[in-house]
Amino acid sequence: MTLRSDKHILRRALLTLVAVNLCNLAIGQQTPLNPLSYWVFTPYVYNPAMVGSKDFLTLDFNAAFQGNSNAQILSGNTRLSRTNPGYFNSPKLKEFNGVGLGGSLFNDLNGSSHNIGVSAAGSYQIPLSSTELSFLSFGASVKGVYNMLDTSEVDAGSPSSNTFYPNLDAGIYYYGTNLFAGVSAINLFGNPGDTDTSGKYVIPVSRQYFLTIGYKFVLSKSRNIVLEPSVLVDATDSTLGDFADNINPIIKLYLDNFLLGSYFLSDGNTSFFFQYRFPRLYLGAFYELPRKTAYYKKPPTVELTLGFNFRVGKSRLSKRTQW
């Protein structure tokens, strides 16, 4: 079977699975507090230092639904272009500078708590080599969140509580041709505090810490096959002492324009995902399978991702097959 026929089959399979997922979402699936798929597809949401780390201008949408609970994130990021493109006979032409910008809009309805928020992120990449193929990036994100807490489920007849609060994310990220690693913290201001003196109602937000490290192994340069194992460590203030329980291994396999992989969560569930990249559009899905309960008691999580790449191949260093 030729590579062309393989790609044709994979494309048809992706479109079929996406159509099936749309039907499944109408039934409803279990949804995490935020779409879990952004940890895989849009990691710059949890580490603002990743904003602008690729020479792309992208817009991404992640969504998950289950009954009365649902969560969506619309996000984007880009690296700024230089205003001076250089001279024609310059031995080293740079199309981009070291500044990245990004942002997101998010909506999260989980039980009695409803969050609506917006964030704006910025980063600065420092080249670590003369060829500018490895960088150290620093980033920060400011966000404002409006929380609507329905307290009637806890105390019948009590009024709902609406709170607006700011928050801050920060991160550091190293990336090269193969190795990448980053550390970040989100919601640095923590919980905005209990506006109710009785202490019954708490807005579900806390500091969260991420550590990620991975490596890209080129299995076939001619066919653009790359294997990327990585580890994501996720912890909160209350789980920092349980380091071993916070480790989440991730494996990705890039087959030219097709990506598939698995995500082994520390809570005992197993996830897998796939994504196909068209010239400027990419579609994908994320599944989480519960291991400790029967499927009929706890249905699998299904999430969808949709993305647009508005600027491809502007940099001489970027490749058509770069993800």
C-alpha atoms as a PDB file:
ATOM      1  CA  MET A   1       0.000   0.000   0.000  1.00  0.00           C
ATOM      2  CA  THR A   2       1.468   3.373  -1.004  1.00  0.00           C
ATOM      3  CA  LEU A   3       1.860   6.385   1.269  1.00  0.00           C
ATOM      4  CA  ARG A   4      -0.696   8.276  -0.834  1.00  0.00           C
ATOM      5  CA  SER A   5      -3.350   5.582  -0.320  1.00  0.00           C
ATOM      6  CA  ASP A   6      -2.516   5.421   3.407  1.00  0.00           C
ATOM      7  CA  LYS A   7      -3.114   9.157   3.753  1.00  0.00           C
ATOM      8  CA  HIS A   8      -6.401   8.872   1.821  1.00  0.00           C
ATOM      9  CA  ILE A   9      -7.649   6.128   4.163  1.00  0.00           C
ATOM     10  CA  LEU A  10      -6.602   8.059   7.269  1.00  0.00           C
ATOM     11  CA  ARG A  11      -8.374  11.192   6.033  1.00  0.00           C
ATOM     12  CA  ARG A  12     -11.622   9.305   5.412  1.00  0.00           C
ATOM     13  CA  ALA A  13     -11.364   7.606   8.808  1.00  0.00           C
ATOM     14  CA  LEU A  14     -10.906  10.961  10.545  1.00  0.00           C
ATOM     15  CA  LEU A  15     -13.955  12.531   8.926  1.00  0.00           C
ATOM     16  CA  THR A  16     -16.051   9.472   9.789  1.00  0.00           C
ATOM     17  CA  LEU A  17     -14.973   9.496  13.439  1.00  0.00           C
ATOM     18  CA  VAL A  18     -15.627  13.230  13.772  1.00  0.00           C
ATOM     19  CA  ALA A  19     -19.149  12.713  12.441  1.00  0.00           C
ATOM     20  CA  VAL A  20     -19.701   9.909  14.956  1.00  0.00           C
ATOM     21  CA  ASN A  21     -18.396  12.132  17.760  1.00  0.00           C
ATOM     22  CA  LEU A  22     -20.880  14.864  16.923  1.00  0.00           C
ATOM     23  CA  CYS A  23     -23.660  12.347  17.438  1.00  0.00           C
ATOM     24  CA  ASN A  24     -22.116  11.167  20.724  1.00  0.00           C
ATOM     25  CA  LEU A  25     -21.891  14.716  22.040  1.00  0.00           C
ATOM     26  CA  ALA A  26     -25.617  15.133  21.609  1.00  0.00           C
ATOM     27  CA  ILE A  27     -26.068  12.229  24.030  1.00  0.00           C
ATOM     28  CA  GLY A  28     -23.581  13.674  26.520  1.00  0.00           C
ATOM     29  CA  GLN A  29     -20.298  12.473  27.960  1.00  0.00           C
ATOM     30  CA  GLN A  30     -18.407  12.910  31.162  1.00  0.00           C
ATOM     31  CA  THR A  31     -16.554  16.233  31.085  1.00  0.00           C
ATOM     32  CA  PRO A  32     -13.563  17.339  33.169  1.00  0.00           C
ATOM     33  CA  LEU A  33     -13.528  20.788  34.776  1.00  0.00           C
ATOM     34  CA  ASN A  34     -11.891  22.109  31.627  1.00  0.00           C
ATOM     35  CA  PRO A  35     -11.484  20.316  28.273  1.00  0.00           C
ATOM     36  CA  LEU A  36      -8.695  17.844  29.001  1.00  0.00           C
ATOM     37  CA  SER A  37      -7.704  17.781  25.332  1.00  0.00           C
ATOM     38  CA  TYR A  38      -6.035  21.195  25.515  1.00  0.00           C
ATOM     39  CA  TRP A  39      -3.241  19.540  27.546  1.00  0.00           C
ATOM     40  CA  VAL A  40      -2.404  17.641  24.343  1.00  0.00           C
ATOM     41  CA  PHE A  41      -3.468  19.880  21.463  1.00  0.00           C
ATOM     42  CA  THR A  42      -2.913  23.427  22.827  1.00  0.00           C
ATOM     43  CA  PRO A  43      -0.376  23.256  25.676  1.00  0.00           C
ATOM     44  CA  TYR A  44       0.305  26.992  25.417  1.00  0.00           C
ATOM     45  CA  VAL A  45      -2.943  27.454  27.371  1.00  0.00           C
ATOM     46  CA  TYR A  46      -1.291  26.074  30.534  1.00  0.00           C
ATOM     47  CA  ASN A  47       2.212  27.418  29.776  1.00  0.00           C
ATOM     48  CA  PRO A  48       2.209  30.955  28.329  1.00  0.00           C
ATOM     49  CA  ALA A  49       5.934  30.636  27.524  1.00  0.00           C
ATOM     50  CA  MET A  50       4.900  28.362  24.626  1.00  0.00           C
ATOM     51  CA  VAL A  51       3.005  31.217  22.988  1.00  0.00           C
ATOM     52  CA  GLY A  52       4.752  32.058  19.708  1.00  0.00           C
ATOM     53  CA  SER A  53       7.189  29.135  19.953  1.00  0.00           C
ATOM     54  CA  LYS A  54       6.263  28.140  16.385  1.00  0.00           C
ATOM     55  CA  ASP A  55       6.298  30.390  13.324  1.00  0.00           C
ATOM     56  CA  PHE A  56       2.536  30.007  12.982  1.00  0.00           C
ATOM     57  CA  LEU A  57      -0.568  32.093  13.459  1.00  0.00           C
ATOM     58  CA  THR A  58      -3.148  29.635  14.750  1.00  0.00           C
ATOM     59  CA  LEU A  59      -6.687  29.652  16.106  1.00  0.00           C
ATOM     60  CA  ASP A  60      -7.816  26.602  18.103  1.00  0.00           C
ATOM     61  CA  PHE A  61     -11.119  25.436  19.556  1.00  0.00           C
ATOM     62  CA  ASN A  62     -11.528  22.633  22.120  1.00  0.00           C
ATOM     63  CA  ALA A  63     -14.929  21.535  23.390  1.00  0.00           C
ATOM     64  CA  ALA A  64     -16.490  18.894  25.622  1.00  0.00           C
ATOM     65  CA  PHE A  65     -20.095  18.379  26.705  1.00  0.00           C
ATOM     66  CA  GLN A  66     -22.053  16.214  29.133  1.00  0.00           C
ATOM     67  CA  GLY A  67     -25.624  16.996  30.074  1.00  0.00           C
ATOM     68  CA  ASN A  68     -25.692  20.244  32.069  1.00  0.00           C
ATOM     69  CA  SER A  69     -21.885  20.393  32.236  1.00  0.00           C
ATOM     70  CA  ASN A  70     -19.745  21.617  29.381  1.00  0.00           C
ATOM     71  CA  ALA A  71     -16.493  23.438  28.728  1.00  0.00           C
ATOM     72  CA  GLN A  72     -15.024  25.217  25.701  1.00  0.00           C
ATOM     73  CA  ILE A  73     -11.778  27.067  25.029  1.00  0.00           C
ATOM     74  CA  LEU A  74     -11.142  29.307  22.007  1.00  0.00           C
ATOM     75  CA  SER A  75      -7.445  30.172  21.882  1.00  0.00           C
ATOM     76  CA  GLY A  76      -4.813  31.482  19.513  1.00  0.00           C
ATOM     77  CA  ASN A  77      -1.138  32.373  19.376  1.00  0.00           C
ATOM     78  CA  THR A  78       1.452  33.796  17.002  1.00  0.00           C
ATOM     79  CA  ARG A  79       5.038  35.007  16.782  1.00  0.00           C
ATOM     80  CA  LEU A  80       5.354  38.602  15.669  1.00  0.00           C
ATOM     81  CA  SER A  81       6.961  39.368  12.318  1.00  0.00           C
ATOM     82  CA  ARG A  82       9.857  41.756  11.977  1.00  0.00           C
ATOM     83  CA  THR A  83       9.081  45.144  10.453  1.00  0.00           C
ATOM     84  CA  ASN A  84      12.486  45.195   8.725  1.00  0.00           C
ATOM     85  CA  PRO A  85      12.785  42.078   6.523  1.00  0.00           C
ATOM     86  CA  GLY A  86      16.488  42.720   5.870  1.00  0.00           C
ATOM     87  CA  TYR A  87      18.429  43.115   2.648  1.00  0.00           C
ATOM     88  CA  PHE A  88      18.267  40.881  -0.394  1.00  0.00           C
ATOM     89  CA  ASN A  89      21.936  39.931  -0.160  1.00  0.00           C
ATOM     90  CA  SER A  90      21.884  39.573   3.625  1.00  0.00           C
ATOM     91  CA  PRO A  91      23.568  36.286   4.637  1.00  0.00           C
ATOM     92  CA  LYS A  92      21.024  35.777   7.419  1.00  0.00           C
ATOM     93  CA  LEU A  93      17.421  36.757   6.829  1.00  0.00           C
ATOM     94  CA  LYS A  94      15.103  36.787   9.842  1.00  0.00           C
ATOM     95  CA  GLU A  95      11.352  36.885   9.285  1.00  0.00           C
ATOM     96  CA  PHE A  96      10.329  36.746  12.964  1.00  0.00           C
ATOM     97  CA  ASN A  97      11.421  38.395  16.172  1.00  0.00           C
ATOM     98  CA  GLY A  98      11.399  36.892  19.658  1.00  0.00           C
ATOM     99  CA  VAL A  99       7.990  38.136  20.785  1.00  0.00           C
ATOM    100  CA  GLY A 100       4.946  35.867  20.956  1.00  0.00           C
ATOM    101  CA  LEU A 101       1.357  36.888  21.655  1.00  0.00           C
ATOM    102  CA  GLY A 102      -1.693  34.802  22.460  1.00  0.00           C
ATOM    103  CA  GLY A 103      -4.995  34.720  24.237  1.00  0.00           C
ATOM    104  CA  SER A 104      -8.077  32.679  24.973  1.00  0.00           C
ATOM    105  CA  LEU A 105     -11.786  32.848  25.695  1.00  0.00           C
ATOM    106  CA  PHE A 106     -13.187  30.105  27.881  1.00  0.00           C
ATOM    107  CA  ASN A 107     -16.524  28.949  29.191  1.00  0.00           C
ATOM    108  CA  ASP A 108     -16.792  26.290  31.889  1.00  0.00           C
ATOM    109  CA  LEU A 109     -20.083  25.065  33.319  1.00  0.00           C
ATOM    110  CA  ASN A 110     -19.616  22.370  35.942  1.00  0.00           C
ATOM    111  CA  GLY A 111     -22.565  21.608  38.184  1.00  0.00           C
ATOM    112  CA  SER A 112     -23.458  24.694  40.209  1.00  0.00           C
ATOM    113  CA  SER A 113     -20.385  26.697  39.121  1.00  0.00           C
ATOM    114  CA  HIS A 114     -20.164  28.614  35.846  1.00  0.00           C
ATOM    115  CA  ASN A 115     -16.939  30.391  34.781  1.00  0.00           C
ATOM    116  CA  ILE A 116     -16.602  32.774  31.840  1.00  0.00           C
ATOM    117  CA  GLY A 117     -13.180  34.266  31.256  1.00  0.00           C
ATOM    118  CA  VAL A 118     -10.653  35.869  28.947  1.00  0.00           C
ATOM    119  CA  SER A 119      -6.854  35.781  29.001  1.00  0.00           C
ATOM    120  CA  ALA A 120      -4.013  37.598  27.228  1.00  0.00           C
ATOM    121  CA  ALA A 121      -0.530  36.079  27.046  1.00  0.00           C
ATOM    122  CA  GLY A 122       2.901  37.266  25.987  1.00  0.00           C
ATOM    123  CA  SER A 123       6.288  35.579  25.684  1.00  0.00           C
ATOM    124  CA  TYR A 124       9.859  36.347  24.730  1.00  0.00           C
ATOM    125  CA  GLN A 125      12.148  33.777  23.107  1.00  0.00           C
ATOM    126  CA  ILE A 126      15.913  34.001  23.548  1.00  0.00           C
ATOM    127  CA  PRO A 127      17.944  32.086  20.914  1.00  0.00           C
ATOM    128  CA  LEU A 128      20.555  29.739  22.401  1.00  0.00           C
ATOM    129  CA  SER A 129      22.458  28.955  19.208  1.00  0.00           C
ATOM    130  CA  SER A 130      23.765  30.859  16.185  1.00  0.00           C
ATOM    131  CA  THR A 131      21.454  28.877  13.912  1.00  0.00           C
ATOM    132  CA  GLU A 132      18.455  29.906  16.056  1.00  0.00           C
ATOM    133  CA  LEU A 133      17.124  26.359  16.267  1.00  0.00           C
ATOM    134  CA  SER A 134      16.938  26.266  20.070  1.00  0.00           C
ATOM    135  CA  PHE A 135      15.315  28.844  22.343  1.00  0.00           C
ATOM    136  CA  LEU A 136      14.594  29.630  25.960  1.00  0.00           C
ATOM    137  CA  SER A 137      11.240  31.326  26.354  1.00  0.00           C
ATOM    138  CA  PHE A 138       9.637  33.236  29.228  1.00  0.00           C
ATOM    139  CA  GLY A 139       5.923  33.973  29.299  1.00  0.00           C
ATOM    140  CA  ALA A 140       3.062  35.290  31.394  1.00  0.00           C
ATOM    141  CA  SER A 141      -0.698  35.490  31.045  1.00  0.00           C
ATOM    142  CA  VAL A 142      -3.235  37.731  32.752  1.00  0.00           C
ATOM    143  CA  LYS A 143      -6.886  36.762  32.849  1.00  0.00           C
ATOM    144  CA  GLY A 144     -10.198  37.880  34.207  1.00  0.00           C
ATOM    145  CA  VAL A 145     -12.875  35.391  35.248  1.00  0.00           C
ATOM    146  CA  TYR A 146     -16.532  35.939  36.039  1.00  0.00           C
ATOM    147  CA  ASN A 147     -17.927  33.167  38.238  1.00  0.00           C
ATOM    148  CA  MET A 148     -21.620  32.492  38.770  1.00  0.00           C
ATOM    149  CA  LEU A 149     -22.195  30.121  41.686  1.00  0.00           C
ATOM    150  CA  ASP A 150     -25.672  28.688  42.199  1.00  0.00           C
ATOM    151  CA  THR A 151     -25.805  28.085  45.946  1.00  0.00           C
ATOM    152  CA  SER A 152     -29.412  26.864  45.980  1.00  0.00           C
ATOM    153  CA  GLU A 153     -28.176  23.266  45.701  1.00  0.00           C
ATOM    154  CA  VAL A 154     -26.363  23.671  49.025  1.00  0.00           C
ATOM    155  CA  ASP A 155     -28.770  25.973  50.799  1.00  0.00           C
ATOM    156  CA  ALA A 156     -32.341  26.101  49.468  1.00  0.00           C
ATOM    157  CA  GLY A 157     -33.597  29.642  49.070  1.00  0.00           C
ATOM    158  CA  SER A 158     -30.166  31.264  49.246  1.00  0.00           C
ATOM    159  CA  PRO A 159     -29.276  33.796  46.519  1.00  0.00           C
ATOM    160  CA  SER A 160     -26.731  33.008  43.826  1.00  0.00           C
ATOM    161  CA  SER A 161     -23.215  34.398  44.209  1.00  0.00           C
ATOM    162  CA  ASN A 162     -21.527  36.232  41.315  1.00  0.00           C
ATOM    163  CA  THR A 163     -17.824  37.080  41.563  1.00  0.00           C
ATOM    164  CA  PHE A 164     -15.318  38.657  39.170  1.00  0.00           C
ATOM    165  CA  TYR A 165     -11.667  37.984  39.913  1.00  0.00           C
ATOM    166  CA  PRO A 166      -8.320  38.433  38.129  1.00  0.00           C
ATOM    167  CA  ASN A 167      -5.591  35.819  37.969  1.00  0.00           C
ATOM    168  CA  LEU A 168      -2.099  35.269  36.619  1.00  0.00           C
ATOM    169  CA  ASP A 169      -0.185  32.459  34.860  1.00  0.00           C
ATOM    170  CA  ALA A 170       3.575  32.250  34.256  1.00  0.00           C
ATOM    171  CA  GLY A 171       5.983  29.792  32.668  1.00  0.00           C
ATOM    172  CA  ILE A 172       9.413  28.975  31.249  1.00  0.00           C
ATOM    173  CA  TYR A 173       9.937  26.818  28.180  1.00  0.00           C
ATOM    174  CA  TYR A 174      12.992  25.401  26.385  1.00  0.00           C
ATOM    175  CA  TYR A 175      12.642  23.967  22.905  1.00  0.00           C
ATOM    176  CA  GLY A 176      15.062  22.804  20.245  1.00  0.00           C
ATOM    177  CA  THR A 177      15.006  20.566  17.204  1.00  0.00           C
ATOM    178  CA  ASN A 178      14.372  17.483  19.366  1.00  0.00           C
ATOM    179  CA  LEU A 179      14.284  18.179  23.110  1.00  0.00           C
ATOM    180  CA  PHE A 180      11.669  20.343  24.829  1.00  0.00           C
ATOM    181  CA  ALA A 181      10.920  21.036  28.489  1.00  0.00           C
ATOM    182  CA  GLY A 182       8.824  23.528  30.414  1.00  0.00           C
ATOM    183  CA  VAL A 183       7.524  24.484  33.826  1.00  0.00           C
ATOM    184  CA  SER A 184       4.537  26.699  34.555  1.00  0.00           C
ATOM    185  CA  ALA A 185       2.026  27.724  37.193  1.00  0.00           C
ATOM    186  CA  ILE A 186      -1.530  28.893  36.568  1.00  0.00           C
ATOM    187  CA  ASN A 187      -3.955  30.734  38.845  1.00  0.00           C
ATOM    188  CA  LEU A 188      -1.092  32.152  40.896  1.00  0.00           C
ATOM    189  CA  PHE A 189      -3.499  34.356  42.871  1.00  0.00           C
ATOM    190  CA  GLY A 190      -5.350  31.203  43.906  1.00  0.00           C
ATOM    191  CA  ASN A 191      -8.963  31.242  44.996  1.00  0.00           C
ATOM    192  CA  PRO A 192     -10.424  34.787  45.095  1.00  0.00           C
ATOM    193  CA  GLY A 193     -11.639  34.166  48.647  1.00  0.00           C
ATOM    194  CA  ASP A 194     -14.970  33.267  50.120  1.00  0.00           C
ATOM    195  CA  THR A 195     -17.368  36.174  49.799  1.00  0.00           C
ATOM    196  CA  ASP A 196     -19.845  34.307  51.981  1.00  0.00           C
ATOM    197  CA  THR A 197     -19.064  34.563  55.698  1.00  0.00           C
ATOM    198  CA  SER A 198     -20.571  31.153  56.417  1.00  0.00           C
ATOM    199  CA  GLY A 199     -17.809  29.487  54.407  1.00  0.00           C
ATOM    200  CA  LYS A 200     -20.218  27.167  52.606  1.00  0.00           C
ATOM    201  CA  TYR A 201     -19.544  28.322  49.064  1.00  0.00           C
ATOM    202  CA  VAL A 202     -16.108  28.090  47.456  1.00  0.00           C
ATOM    203  CA  ILE A 203     -15.315  28.982  43.849  1.00  0.00           C
ATOM    204  CA  PRO A 204     -13.636  25.893  42.315  1.00  0.00           C
ATOM    205  CA  VAL A 205     -10.263  27.405  41.369  1.00  0.00           C
ATOM    206  CA  SER A 206      -6.799  26.706  42.771  1.00  0.00           C
ATOM    207  CA  ARG A 207      -3.144  27.062  41.905  1.00  0.00           C
ATOM    208  CA  GLN A 208      -2.006  24.430  39.440  1.00  0.00           C
ATOM    209  CA  TYR A 209       1.561  23.496  38.488  1.00  0.00           C
ATOM    210  CA  PHE A 210       2.819  21.831  35.297  1.00  0.00           C
ATOM    211  CA  LEU A 211       6.145  20.243  34.388  1.00  0.00           C
ATOM    212  CA  THR A 212       6.662  18.779  30.940  1.00  0.00           C
ATOM    213  CA  ILE A 213       9.624  17.209  29.177  1.00  0.00           C
ATOM    214  CA  GLY A 214       9.827  15.286  25.918  1.00  0.00           C
ATOM    215  CA  TYR A 215      11.960  14.319  22.935  1.00  0.00           C
ATOM    216  CA  LYS A 216      11.268  13.930  19.207  1.00  0.00           C
ATOM    217  CA  PHE A 217      12.794  10.864  17.512  1.00  0.00           C
ATOM    218  CA  VAL A 218      12.901  11.060  13.708  1.00  0.00           C
ATOM    219  CA  LEU A 219      12.035   7.563  12.497  1.00  0.00           C
ATOM    220  CA  SER A 220      11.842   8.392   8.798  1.00  0.00           C
ATOM    221  CA  LYS A 221      12.903  11.747   7.413  1.00  0.00           C
ATOM    222  CA  SER A 222      11.666  11.029   3.880  1.00  0.00           C
ATOM    223  CA  ARG A 223       8.170  10.079   5.078  1.00  0.00           C
ATOM    224  CA  ASN A 224       8.051  12.588   7.943  1.00  0.00           C
ATOM    225  CA  ILE A 225       7.539   9.982  10.666  1.00  0.00           C
ATOM    226  CA  VAL A 226       8.380  11.233  14.169  1.00  0.00           C
ATOM    227  CA  LEU A 227       7.900   9.558  17.550  1.00  0.00           C
ATOM    228  CA  GLU A 228       7.474  11.929  20.516  1.00  0.00           C
ATOM    229  CA  PRO A 229       7.377  10.474  24.046  1.00  0.00           C
ATOM    230  CA  SER A 230       6.892  12.990  26.861  1.00  0.00           C
ATOM    231  CA  VAL A 231       5.835  13.293  30.475  1.00  0.00           C
ATOM    232  CA  LEU A 232       3.426  15.850  31.926  1.00  0.00           C
ATOM    233  CA  VAL A 233       3.365  16.360  35.682  1.00  0.00           C
ATOM    234  CA  ASP A 234       0.260  18.153  36.970  1.00  0.00           C
ATOM    235  CA  ALA A 235      -0.198  19.122  40.619  1.00  0.00           C
ATOM    236  CA  THR A 236      -2.047  21.523  42.905  1.00  0.00           C
ATOM    237  CA  ASP A 237      -1.138  22.920  46.315  1.00  0.00           C
ATOM    238  CA  SER A 238      -2.813  19.956  47.974  1.00  0.00           C
ATOM    239  CA  THR A 239      -1.163  17.279  45.772  1.00  0.00           C
ATOM    240  CA  LEU A 240       2.405  18.590  45.526  1.00  0.00           C
ATOM    241  CA  GLY A 241       3.591  15.946  47.986  1.00  0.00           C
ATOM    242  CA  ASP A 242       2.239  13.102  45.845  1.00  0.00           C
ATOM    243  CA  PHE A 243       4.663  13.545  42.949  1.00  0.00           C
ATOM    244  CA  ALA A 244       4.426   9.964  41.697  1.00  0.00           C
ATOM    245  CA  ASP A 245       0.634  10.195  41.495  1.00  0.00           C
ATOM    246  CA  ASN A 246       0.822  13.342  39.330  1.00  0.00           C
ATOM    247  CA  ILE A 247       2.877  11.858  36.466  1.00  0.00           C
ATOM    248  CA  ASN A 248       1.059  11.541  33.117  1.00  0.00           C
ATOM    249  CA  PRO A 249       3.063   9.876  30.279  1.00  0.00           C
ATOM    250  CA  ILE A 250       2.141  10.928  26.730  1.00  0.00           C
ATOM    251  CA  ILE A 251       3.161   9.280  23.467  1.00  0.00           C
ATOM    252  CA  LYS A 252       2.660  10.909  20.050  1.00  0.00           C
ATOM    253  CA  LEU A 253       3.320   9.488  16.604  1.00  0.00           C
ATOM    254  CA  TYR A 254       3.437  11.874  13.641  1.00  0.00           C
ATOM    255  CA  LEU A 255       2.802  10.268  10.246  1.00  0.00           C
ATOM    256  CA  ASP A 256       3.274  13.213   7.914  1.00  0.00           C
ATOM    257  CA  ASN A 257      -0.029  15.088   8.322  1.00  0.00           C
ATOM    258  CA  PHE A 258      -1.590  12.563  10.697  1.00  0.00           C
ATOM    259  CA  LEU A 259      -1.056  12.519  14.465  1.00  0.00           C
ATOM    260  CA  LEU A 260      -2.141   9.816  16.868  1.00  0.00           C
ATOM    261  CA  GLY A 261      -1.161   9.036  20.410  1.00  0.00           C
ATOM    262  CA  SER A 262      -2.081   7.961  23.912  1.00  0.00           C
ATOM    263  CA  TYR A 263      -2.248   9.800  27.218  1.00  0.00           C
ATOM    264  CA  PHE A 264      -1.952   7.745  30.420  1.00  0.00           C
ATOM    265  CA  LEU A 265      -3.611   9.760  33.176  1.00  0.00           C
ATOM    266  CA  SER A 266      -2.560   9.477  36.798  1.00  0.00           C
ATOM    267  CA  ASP A 267      -6.179   8.869  37.864  1.00  0.00           C
ATOM    268  CA  GLY A 268      -6.108   5.389  36.329  1.00  0.00           C
ATOM    269  CA  ASN A 269      -7.872   6.287  33.081  1.00  0.00           C
ATOM    270  CA  THR A 270      -6.345   5.829  29.649  1.00  0.00           C
ATOM    271  CA  SER A 271      -6.798   8.341  26.856  1.00  0.00           C
ATOM    272  CA  PHE A 272      -5.997   8.327  23.183  1.00  0.00           C
ATOM    273  CA  PHE A 273      -6.272  11.002  20.545  1.00  0.00           C
ATOM    274  CA  PHE A 274      -5.770  11.692  16.865  1.00  0.00           C
ATOM    275  CA  GLN A 275      -5.564  14.713  14.605  1.00  0.00           C
ATOM    276  CA  TYR A 276      -5.325  15.249  10.855  1.00  0.00           C
ATOM    277  CA  ARG A 277      -3.875  18.369   9.328  1.00  0.00           C
ATOM    278  CA  PHE A 278      -5.206  19.672   6.060  1.00  0.00           C
ATOM    279  CA  PRO A 279      -3.285  22.531   4.347  1.00  0.00           C
ATOM    280  CA  ARG A 280      -4.690  25.188   6.728  1.00  0.00           C
ATOM    281  CA  LEU A 281      -7.245  23.274   8.786  1.00  0.00           C
ATOM    282  CA  TYR A 282      -6.786  20.512  11.353  1.00  0.00           C
ATOM    283  CA  LEU A 283      -9.401  18.316  12.994  1.00  0.00           C
ATOM    284  CA  GLY A 284      -9.067  15.871  15.843  1.00  0.00           C
ATOM    285  CA  ALA A 285     -10.667  14.060  18.742  1.00  0.00           C
ATOM    286  CA  PHE A 286      -9.679  13.066  22.267  1.00  0.00           C
ATOM    287  CA  TYR A 287     -11.042  10.046  24.148  1.00  0.00           C
ATOM    288  CA  GLU A 288     -10.729   9.121  27.809  1.00  0.00           C
ATOM    289  CA  LEU A 289     -11.615   5.544  28.774  1.00  0.00           C
ATOM    290  CA  PRO A 290     -12.398   4.788  32.439  1.00  0.00           C
ATOM    291  CA  ARG A 291     -10.506   1.736  33.685  1.00  0.00           C
ATOM    292  CA  LYS A 292     -11.883   1.360  37.201  1.00  0.00           C
ATOM    293  CA  THR A 293     -15.586   1.401  36.356  1.00  0.00           C
ATOM    294  CA  ALA A 294     -17.749  -0.319  33.787  1.00  0.00           C
ATOM    295  CA  TYR A 295     -18.485   1.692  30.647  1.00  0.00           C
ATOM    296  CA  TYR A 296     -22.227   1.552  31.246  1.00  0.00           C
ATOM    297  CA  LYS A 297     -21.711   3.171  34.682  1.00  0.00           C
ATOM    298  CA  LYS A 298     -19.210   5.783  33.525  1.00  0.00           C
ATOM    299  CA  PRO A 299     -19.235   6.512  29.778  1.00  0.00           C
ATOM    300  CA  PRO A 300     -15.981   7.530  28.065  1.00  0.00           C
ATOM    301  CA  THR A 301     -15.089  11.185  27.644  1.00  0.00           C
ATOM    302  CA  VAL A 302     -15.169  12.461  24.070  1.00  0.00           C
ATOM    303  CA  GLU A 303     -13.798  15.873  23.114  1.00  0.00           C
ATOM    304  CA  LEU A 304     -13.296  17.555  19.751  1.00  0.00           C
ATOM    305  CA  THR A 305     -10.628  19.953  18.545  1.00  0.00           C
ATOM    306  CA  LEU A 306     -10.667  22.260  15.534  1.00  0.00           C
ATOM    307  CA  GLY A 307      -7.845  24.521  14.415  1.00  0.00           C
ATOM    308  CA  PHE A 308      -6.865  26.958  11.675  1.00  0.00           C
ATOM    309  CA  ASN A 309      -3.334  27.761  10.564  1.00  0.00           C
ATOM    310  CA  PHE A 310      -3.323  31.207   8.953  1.00  0.00           C
ATOM    311  CA  ARG A 311       0.399  31.495   8.286  1.00  0.00           C
ATOM    312  CA  VAL A 312       2.311  28.513   6.953  1.00  0.00           C
ATOM    313  CA  GLY A 313       5.908  28.420   5.828  1.00  0.00           C
ATOM    314  CA  LYS A 314       6.700  32.111   6.204  1.00  0.00           C
ATOM    315  CA  SER A 315       9.968  31.385   7.953  1.00  0.00           C
ATOM    316  CA  ARG A 316      12.835  29.740   6.075  1.00  0.00           C
ATOM    317  CA  LEU A 317      13.418  27.510   9.096  1.00  0.00           C
ATOM    318  CA  SER A 318       9.853  26.195   9.242  1.00  0.00           C
ATOM    319  CA  LYS A 319       8.842  23.179   7.203  1.00  0.00           C
ATOM    320  CA  ARG A 320       5.579  22.290   5.559  1.00  0.00           C
ATOM    321  CA  THR A 321       5.253  19.263   7.813  1.00  0.00           C
ATOM    322  CA  GLN A 322       6.036  21.094  11.062  1.00  0.00           C
ATOM    323  CA  TRP A 323       3.408  20.667  13.775  1.00  0.00           C
END
